[in-house]
PDB file of N, CA and C in Angstrom:
ATOM      1  N   UNK A   1       0.851  -1.185   0.000  1.00  0.00           N
ATOM      2  CA  UNK A   1       0.000   0.000   0.000  1.00  0.00           C
ATOM      3  C   UNK A   1       0.892   1.241   0.000  1.00  0.00           C
ATOM      4  N   UNK A   2       0.686   2.129  -0.928  1.00  0.00           N
ATOM      5  CA  UNK A   2       1.518   3.327  -0.996  1.00  0.00           C
ATOM      6  C   UNK A   2       0.934   4.447  -0.138  1.00  0.00           C
ATOM      7  N   UNK A   3       1.841   5.274   0.357  1.00  0.00           N
ATOM      8  CA  UNK A   3       1.453   6.414   1.179  1.00  0.00           C
ATOM      9  C   UNK A   3       1.077   7.585   0.277  1.00  0.00           C
ATOM     10  N   UNK A   4       0.172   8.448   0.728  1.00  0.00           N
ATOM     11  CA  UNK A   4      -0.087   9.662  -0.052  1.00  0.00           C
ATOM     12  C   UNK A   4       1.155  10.545  -0.052  1.00  0.00           C
ATOM     13  N   UNK A   5       1.351  11.350  -1.097  1.00  0.00           N
ATOM     14  CA  UNK A   5       2.528  12.219  -1.131  1.00  0.00           C
ATOM     15  C   UNK A   5       2.590  13.133   0.091  1.00  0.00           C
ATOM     16  N   UNK A   6       3.785  13.314   0.612  1.00  0.00           N
ATOM     17  CA  UNK A   6       3.972  14.157   1.791  1.00  0.00           C
ATOM     18  C   UNK A   6       4.095  15.621   1.391  1.00  0.00           C
ATOM     19  N   UNK A   7       4.135  16.480   2.394  1.00  0.00           N
ATOM     20  CA  UNK A   7       4.337  17.910   2.128  1.00  0.00           C
ATOM     21  C   UNK A   7       5.702  18.123   1.483  1.00  0.00           C
ATOM     22  N   UNK A   8       6.659  17.236   1.760  1.00  0.00           N
ATOM     23  CA  UNK A   8       7.978  17.364   1.141  1.00  0.00           C
ATOM     24  C   UNK A   8       7.886  17.161  -0.376  1.00  0.00           C
ATOM     25  N   UNK A   9       7.026  16.246  -0.811  1.00  0.00           N
ATOM     26  CA  UNK A   9       6.853  16.008  -2.241  1.00  0.00           C
ATOM     27  C   UNK A   9       6.279  17.261  -2.907  1.00  0.00           C
ATOM     28  N   UNK A  10       5.288  17.876  -2.287  1.00  0.00           N
ATOM     29  CA  UNK A  10       4.693  19.107  -2.837  1.00  0.00           C
ATOM     30  C   UNK A  10       5.732  20.226  -2.881  1.00  0.00           C
ATOM     31  N   UNK A  11       6.561  20.314  -1.861  1.00  0.00           N
ATOM     32  CA  UNK A  11       7.605  21.342  -1.828  1.00  0.00           C
ATOM     33  C   UNK A  11       8.647  21.063  -2.913  1.00  0.00           C
ATOM     34  N   UNK A  12       9.003  19.800  -3.104  1.00  0.00           N
ATOM     35  CA  UNK A  12       9.946  19.422  -4.159  1.00  0.00           C
ATOM     36  C   UNK A  12       9.395  19.811  -5.530  1.00  0.00           C
ATOM     37  N   UNK A  13       8.107  19.628  -5.736  1.00  0.00           N
ATOM     38  CA  UNK A  13       7.489  20.006  -7.014  1.00  0.00           C
ATOM     39  C   UNK A  13       7.600  21.514  -7.237  1.00  0.00           C
ATOM     40  N   UNK A  14       7.370  22.287  -6.181  1.00  0.00           N
ATOM     41  CA  UNK A  14       7.477  23.743  -6.286  1.00  0.00           C
ATOM     42  C   UNK A  14       8.907  24.157  -6.615  1.00  0.00           C
ATOM     43  N   UNK A  15       9.875  23.537  -5.961  1.00  0.00           N
ATOM     44  CA  UNK A  15      11.280  23.831  -6.248  1.00  0.00           C
ATOM     45  C   UNK A  15      11.639  23.412  -7.666  1.00  0.00           C
ATOM     46  N   UNK A  16      11.198  22.236  -8.083  1.00  0.00           N
ATOM     47  CA  UNK A  16      11.499  21.748  -9.432  1.00  0.00           C
ATOM     48  C   UNK A  16      10.915  22.678 -10.486  1.00  0.00           C
ATOM     49  N   UNK A  17       9.696  23.148 -10.273  1.00  0.00           N
ATOM     50  CA  UNK A  17       9.086  24.082 -11.224  1.00  0.00           C
ATOM     51  C   UNK A  17       9.930  25.346 -11.371  1.00  0.00           C
ATOM     52  N   UNK A  18      10.447  25.845 -10.259  1.00  0.00           N
ATOM     53  CA  UNK A  18      11.264  27.060 -10.297  1.00  0.00           C
ATOM     54  C   UNK A  18      12.579  26.805 -11.032  1.00  0.00           C
ATOM     55  N   UNK A  19      13.207  25.678 -10.765  1.00  0.00           N
ATOM     56  CA  UNK A  19      14.455  25.365 -11.462  1.00  0.00           C
ATOM     57  C   UNK A  19      14.213  25.131 -12.943  1.00  0.00           C
ATOM     58  N   UNK A  20      13.115  24.490 -13.299  1.00  0.00           N
ATOM     59  CA  UNK A  20      12.820  24.194 -14.704  1.00  0.00           C
ATOM     60  C   UNK A  20      12.594  25.461 -15.529  1.00  0.00           C
ATOM     61  N   UNK A  21      12.292  26.558 -14.883  1.00  0.00           N
ATOM     62  CA  UNK A  21      12.143  27.827 -15.605  1.00  0.00           C
ATOM     63  C   UNK A  21      13.487  28.438 -15.995  1.00  0.00           C
ATOM     64  N   UNK A  22      14.571  27.906 -15.460  1.00  0.00           N
ATOM     65  CA  UNK A  22      15.907  28.360 -15.838  1.00  0.00           C
ATOM     66  C   UNK A  22      16.263  27.719 -17.177  1.00  0.00           C
ATOM     67  N   UNK A  23      16.681  28.496 -18.170  1.00  0.00           N
ATOM     68  CA  UNK A  23      16.893  27.949 -19.515  1.00  0.00           C
ATOM     69  C   UNK A  23      17.970  26.870 -19.614  1.00  0.00           C
ATOM     70  N   UNK A  24      18.940  26.863 -18.725  1.00  0.00           N
ATOM     71  CA  UNK A  24      20.017  25.871 -18.812  1.00  0.00           C
ATOM     72  C   UNK A  24      19.727  24.582 -18.044  1.00  0.00           C
ATOM     73  N   UNK A  25      18.607  24.518 -17.319  1.00  0.00           N
ATOM     74  CA  UNK A  25      18.278  23.310 -16.566  1.00  0.00           C
ATOM     75  C   UNK A  25      17.675  22.284 -17.518  1.00  0.00           C
ATOM     76  N   UNK A  26      18.206  21.067 -17.464  1.00  0.00           N
ATOM     77  CA  UNK A  26      17.736  19.992 -18.343  1.00  0.00           C
ATOM     78  C   UNK A  26      16.870  18.977 -17.609  1.00  0.00           C
ATOM     79  N   UNK A  27      17.094  18.794 -16.308  1.00  0.00           N
ATOM     80  CA  UNK A  27      16.298  17.826 -15.542  1.00  0.00           C
ATOM     81  C   UNK A  27      16.393  18.151 -14.059  1.00  0.00           C
ATOM     82  N   UNK A  28      15.346  17.780 -13.350  1.00  0.00           N
ATOM     83  CA  UNK A  28      15.319  17.898 -11.888  1.00  0.00           C
ATOM     84  C   UNK A  28      14.772  16.578 -11.359  1.00  0.00           C
ATOM     85  N   UNK A  29      15.405  16.029 -10.332  1.00  0.00           N
ATOM     86  CA  UNK A  29      14.937  14.767  -9.764  1.00  0.00           C
ATOM     87  C   UNK A  29      14.852  14.841  -8.249  1.00  0.00           C
ATOM     88  N   UNK A  30      13.933  14.077  -7.705  1.00  0.00           N
ATOM     89  CA  UNK A  30      13.793  13.923  -6.260  1.00  0.00           C
ATOM     90  C   UNK A  30      14.348  12.547  -5.914  1.00  0.00           C
ATOM     91  N   UNK A  31      15.142  12.483  -4.864  1.00  0.00           N
ATOM     92  CA  UNK A  31      15.728  11.214  -4.455  1.00  0.00           C
ATOM     93  C   UNK A  31      15.388  10.879  -3.016  1.00  0.00           C
ATOM     94  N   UNK A  32      15.938   9.790  -2.558  1.00  0.00           N
ATOM     95  CA  UNK A  32      15.815   9.378  -1.167  1.00  0.00           C
ATOM     96  C   UNK A  32      14.424   8.956  -0.746  1.00  0.00           C
ATOM     97  N   UNK A  33      14.163   9.123   0.531  1.00  0.00           N
ATOM     98  CA  UNK A  33      12.905   8.643   1.108  1.00  0.00           C
ATOM     99  C   UNK A  33      11.690   9.367   0.552  1.00  0.00           C
ATOM    100  N   UNK A  34      11.836  10.620   0.164  1.00  0.00           N
ATOM    101  CA  UNK A  34      10.702  11.355  -0.415  1.00  0.00           C
ATOM    102  C   UNK A  34      10.308  10.720  -1.742  1.00  0.00           C
ATOM    103  N   UNK A  35      11.286  10.388  -2.565  1.00  0.00           N
ATOM    104  CA  UNK A  35      11.008   9.744  -3.854  1.00  0.00           C
ATOM    105  C   UNK A  35      10.378   8.362  -3.665  1.00  0.00           C
ATOM    106  N   UNK A  36      10.804   7.666  -2.616  1.00  0.00           N
ATOM    107  CA  UNK A  36      10.262   6.331  -2.345  1.00  0.00           C
ATOM    108  C   UNK A  36       8.911   6.372  -1.641  1.00  0.00           C
ATOM    109  N   UNK A  37       8.535   7.553  -1.143  1.00  0.00           N
ATOM    110  CA  UNK A  37       7.287   7.665  -0.388  1.00  0.00           C
ATOM    111  C   UNK A  37       7.382   7.117   1.015  1.00  0.00           C
ATOM    112  N   UNK A  38       8.600   7.070   1.557  1.00  0.00           N
ATOM    113  CA  UNK A  38       8.800   6.541   2.907  1.00  0.00           C
ATOM    114  C   UNK A  38       9.341   7.598   3.867  1.00  0.00           C
ATOM    115  N   UNK A  39       9.246   8.874   3.489  1.00  0.00           N
ATOM    116  CA  UNK A  39       9.772   9.927   4.351  1.00  0.00           C
ATOM    117  C   UNK A  39       8.966  10.020   5.643  1.00  0.00           C
ATOM    118  N   UNK A  40       9.658  10.482   6.677  1.00  0.00           N
ATOM    119  CA  UNK A  40       9.019  10.690   7.974  1.00  0.00           C
ATOM    120  C   UNK A  40       9.461  12.046   8.512  1.00  0.00           C
ATOM    121  N   UNK A  41       9.157  12.319   9.755  1.00  0.00           N
ATOM    122  CA  UNK A  41       9.429  13.655  10.298  1.00  0.00           C
ATOM    123  C   UNK A  41      10.913  13.965  10.410  1.00  0.00           C
ATOM    124  N   UNK A  42      11.782  12.985  10.262  1.00  0.00           N
ATOM    125  CA  UNK A  42      13.221  13.201  10.326  1.00  0.00           C
ATOM    126  C   UNK A  42      13.864  13.312   8.944  1.00  0.00           C
ATOM    127  N   UNK A  43      13.095  13.157   7.901  1.00  0.00           N
ATOM    128  CA  UNK A  43      13.635  13.107   6.542  1.00  0.00           C
ATOM    129  C   UNK A  43      14.028  14.472   6.016  1.00  0.00           C
ATOM    130  N   UNK A  44      15.049  14.464   5.171  1.00  0.00           N
ATOM    131  CA  UNK A  44      15.434  15.671   4.454  1.00  0.00           C
ATOM    132  C   UNK A  44      14.861  15.571   3.039  1.00  0.00           C
ATOM    133  N   UNK A  45      15.136  16.567   2.240  1.00  0.00           N
ATOM    134  CA  UNK A  45      14.664  16.588   0.862  1.00  0.00           C
ATOM    135  C   UNK A  45      15.878  16.600  -0.052  1.00  0.00           C
ATOM    136  N   UNK A  46      16.027  15.553  -0.857  1.00  0.00           N
ATOM    137  CA  UNK A  46      17.145  15.454  -1.795  1.00  0.00           C
ATOM    138  C   UNK A  46      16.641  15.825  -3.178  1.00  0.00           C
ATOM    139  N   UNK A  47      17.204  16.882  -3.717  1.00  0.00           N
ATOM    140  CA  UNK A  47      16.799  17.379  -5.026  1.00  0.00           C
ATOM    141  C   UNK A  47      18.050  17.496  -5.882  1.00  0.00           C
ATOM    142  N   UNK A  48      18.053  16.821  -7.026  1.00  0.00           N
ATOM    143  CA  UNK A  48      19.167  16.907  -7.963  1.00  0.00           C
ATOM    144  C   UNK A  48      18.773  17.786  -9.135  1.00  0.00           C
ATOM    145  N   UNK A  49      19.615  18.757  -9.465  1.00  0.00           N
ATOM    146  CA  UNK A  49      19.351  19.663 -10.583  1.00  0.00           C
ATOM    147  C   UNK A  49      20.483  19.481 -11.588  1.00  0.00           C
ATOM    148  N   UNK A  50      20.119  19.175 -12.832  1.00  0.00           N
ATOM    149  CA  UNK A  50      21.086  18.913 -13.886  1.00  0.00           C
ATOM    150  C   UNK A  50      21.064  20.057 -14.888  1.00  0.00           C
ATOM    151  N   UNK A  51      22.183  20.749 -14.992  1.00  0.00           N
ATOM    152  CA  UNK A  51      22.316  21.926 -15.844  1.00  0.00           C
ATOM    153  C   UNK A  51      23.088  21.567 -17.116  1.00  0.00           C
ATOM    154  N   UNK A  52      22.751  22.184 -18.229  1.00  0.00           N
ATOM    155  CA  UNK A  52      23.466  21.983 -19.489  1.00  0.00           C
ATOM    156  C   UNK A  52      24.842  22.631 -19.442  1.00  0.00           C
ATOM    157  N   UNK A  53      24.969  23.689 -18.676  1.00  0.00           N
ATOM    158  CA  UNK A  53      26.234  24.396 -18.498  1.00  0.00           C
ATOM    159  C   UNK A  53      26.314  24.831 -17.040  1.00  0.00           C
ATOM    160  N   UNK A  54      27.516  25.118 -16.588  1.00  0.00           N
ATOM    161  CA  UNK A  54      27.673  25.566 -15.206  1.00  0.00           C
ATOM    162  C   UNK A  54      26.759  26.760 -14.947  1.00  0.00           C
ATOM    163  N   UNK A  55      25.934  26.692 -13.901  1.00  0.00           N
ATOM    164  CA  UNK A  55      25.028  27.804 -13.625  1.00  0.00           C
ATOM    165  C   UNK A  55      25.764  28.995 -13.019  1.00  0.00           C
ATOM    166  N   UNK A  56      25.280  30.163 -13.332  1.00  0.00           N
ATOM    167  CA  UNK A  56      25.831  31.361 -12.704  1.00  0.00           C
ATOM    168  C   UNK A  56      25.235  31.492 -11.306  1.00  0.00           C
ATOM    169  N   UNK A  57      25.873  32.289 -10.499  1.00  0.00           N
ATOM    170  CA  UNK A  57      25.329  32.554  -9.170  1.00  0.00           C
ATOM    171  C   UNK A  57      23.950  33.204  -9.286  1.00  0.00           C
ATOM    172  N   UNK A  58      23.795  34.084 -10.275  1.00  0.00           N
ATOM    173  CA  UNK A  58      22.499  34.748 -10.486  1.00  0.00           C
ATOM    174  C   UNK A  58      21.408  33.746 -10.847  1.00  0.00           C
ATOM    175  N   UNK A  59      21.722  32.764 -11.691  1.00  0.00           N
ATOM    176  CA  UNK A  59      20.727  31.751 -12.077  1.00  0.00           C
ATOM    177  C   UNK A  59      20.345  30.891 -10.887  1.00  0.00           C
ATOM    178  N   UNK A  60      21.319  30.508 -10.073  1.00  0.00           N
ATOM    179  CA  UNK A  60      21.040  29.701  -8.884  1.00  0.00           C
ATOM    180  C   UNK A  60      20.181  30.487  -7.893  1.00  0.00           C
ATOM    181  N   UNK A  61      20.519  31.748  -7.703  1.00  0.00           N
ATOM    182  CA  UNK A  61      19.755  32.600  -6.794  1.00  0.00           C
ATOM    183  C   UNK A  61      18.339  32.815  -7.312  1.00  0.00           C
ATOM    184  N   UNK A  62      18.199  33.050  -8.615  1.00  0.00           N
ATOM    185  CA  UNK A  62      16.880  33.296  -9.207  1.00  0.00           C
ATOM    186  C   UNK A  62      15.947  32.113  -8.992  1.00  0.00           C
ATOM    187  N   UNK A  63      16.448  30.901  -9.158  1.00  0.00           N
ATOM    188  CA  UNK A  63      15.611  29.717  -8.973  1.00  0.00           C
ATOM    189  C   UNK A  63      15.120  29.610  -7.530  1.00  0.00           C
ATOM    190  N   UNK A  64      15.997  29.892  -6.598  1.00  0.00           N
ATOM    191  CA  UNK A  64      15.633  29.820  -5.177  1.00  0.00           C
ATOM    192  C   UNK A  64      14.560  30.856  -4.855  1.00  0.00           C
ATOM    193  N   UNK A  65      14.770  32.078  -5.282  1.00  0.00           N
ATOM    194  CA  UNK A  65      13.806  33.146  -4.994  1.00  0.00           C
ATOM    195  C   UNK A  65      12.492  32.926  -5.742  1.00  0.00           C
ATOM    196  N   UNK A  66      12.574  32.393  -6.972  1.00  0.00           N
ATOM    197  CA  UNK A  66      11.381  32.102  -7.765  1.00  0.00           C
ATOM    198  C   UNK A  66      10.503  31.060  -7.074  1.00  0.00           C
ATOM    199  N   UNK A  67      11.114  30.159  -6.339  1.00  0.00           N
ATOM    200  CA  UNK A  67      10.366  29.127  -5.614  1.00  0.00           C
ATOM    201  C   UNK A  67       9.721  29.674  -4.347  1.00  0.00           C
ATOM    202  N   UNK A  68      10.030  30.912  -4.014  1.00  0.00           N
ATOM    203  CA  UNK A  68       9.472  31.498  -2.798  1.00  0.00           C
ATOM    204  C   UNK A  68      10.237  31.103  -1.551  1.00  0.00           C
ATOM    205  N   UNK A  69      11.439  30.585  -1.755  1.00  0.00           N
ATOM    206  CA  UNK A  69      12.259  30.168  -0.615  1.00  0.00           C
ATOM    207  C   UNK A  69      13.079  31.343  -0.103  1.00  0.00           C
ATOM    208  N   UNK A  70      13.528  31.237   1.125  1.00  0.00           N
ATOM    209  CA  UNK A  70      14.416  32.230   1.715  1.00  0.00           C
ATOM    210  C   UNK A  70      15.851  31.770   1.498  1.00  0.00           C
ATOM    211  N   UNK A  71      16.636  32.587   0.851  1.00  0.00           N
ATOM    212  CA  UNK A  71      18.037  32.257   0.619  1.00  0.00           C
ATOM    213  C   UNK A  71      18.831  32.591   1.872  1.00  0.00           C
ATOM    214  N   UNK A  72      19.319  31.561   2.544  1.00  0.00           N
ATOM    215  CA  UNK A  72      20.112  31.740   3.746  1.00  0.00           C
ATOM    216  C   UNK A  72      21.600  31.817   3.422  1.00  0.00           C
ATOM    217  N   UNK A  73      22.040  30.935   2.522  1.00  0.00           N
ATOM    218  CA  UNK A  73      23.454  30.883   2.160  1.00  0.00           C
ATOM    219  C   UNK A  73      23.554  30.211   0.801  1.00  0.00           C
ATOM    220  N   UNK A  74      24.365  30.759  -0.065  1.00  0.00           N
ATOM    221  CA  UNK A  74      24.629  30.160  -1.366  1.00  0.00           C
ATOM    222  C   UNK A  74      26.110  29.813  -1.406  1.00  0.00           C
ATOM    223  N   UNK A  75      26.398  28.536  -1.357  1.00  0.00           N
ATOM    224  CA  UNK A  75      27.792  28.094  -1.375  1.00  0.00           C
ATOM    225  C   UNK A  75      28.369  28.292  -2.765  1.00  0.00           C
ATOM    226  N   UNK A  76      29.626  28.675  -2.864  1.00  0.00           N
ATOM    227  CA  UNK A  76      30.234  28.837  -4.184  1.00  0.00           C
ATOM    228  C   UNK A  76      30.289  27.489  -4.904  1.00  0.00           C
ATOM    229  N   UNK A  77      30.134  27.555  -6.200  1.00  0.00           N
ATOM    230  CA  UNK A  77      30.200  26.347  -7.002  1.00  0.00           C
ATOM    231  C   UNK A  77      31.648  25.913  -7.127  1.00  0.00           C
ATOM    232  N   UNK A  78      31.890  24.626  -7.000  1.00  0.00           N
ATOM    233  CA  UNK A  78      33.244  24.108  -7.150  1.00  0.00           C
ATOM    234  C   UNK A  78      33.565  23.951  -8.623  1.00  0.00           C
ATOM    235  N   UNK A  79      34.741  24.347  -9.006  1.00  0.00           N
ATOM    236  CA  UNK A  79      35.147  24.294 -10.406  1.00  0.00           C
ATOM    237  C   UNK A  79      35.198  22.844 -10.889  1.00  0.00           C
ATOM    238  N   UNK A  80      34.712  22.632 -12.107  1.00  0.00           N
ATOM    239  CA  UNK A  80      34.816  21.334 -12.736  1.00  0.00           C
ATOM    240  C   UNK A  80      33.769  20.317 -12.315  1.00  0.00           C
ATOM    241  N   UNK A  81      32.781  20.722 -11.557  1.00  0.00           N
ATOM    242  CA  UNK A  81      31.730  19.775 -11.144  1.00  0.00           C
ATOM    243  C   UNK A  81      30.533  19.881 -12.041  1.00  0.00           C
TER     244      UNK A  81
END
């Protein structure tokens, strides 16, 4: 019996929609317990974003703000990743 989608799944969809509006984003995926439908109150949200080219800081920031999230810290992108 599968569980109904959690609030984390709905939040992941909102984040994915915001990232998908970035022209260089090719795919967004949800992983871990949220993707399996087994998340609980201790679960985090694993979101993978696949870009066609290295994203700029502005593009990364725009996606976060577009999702309605509060940007607390944006770590610098590591070269060559």
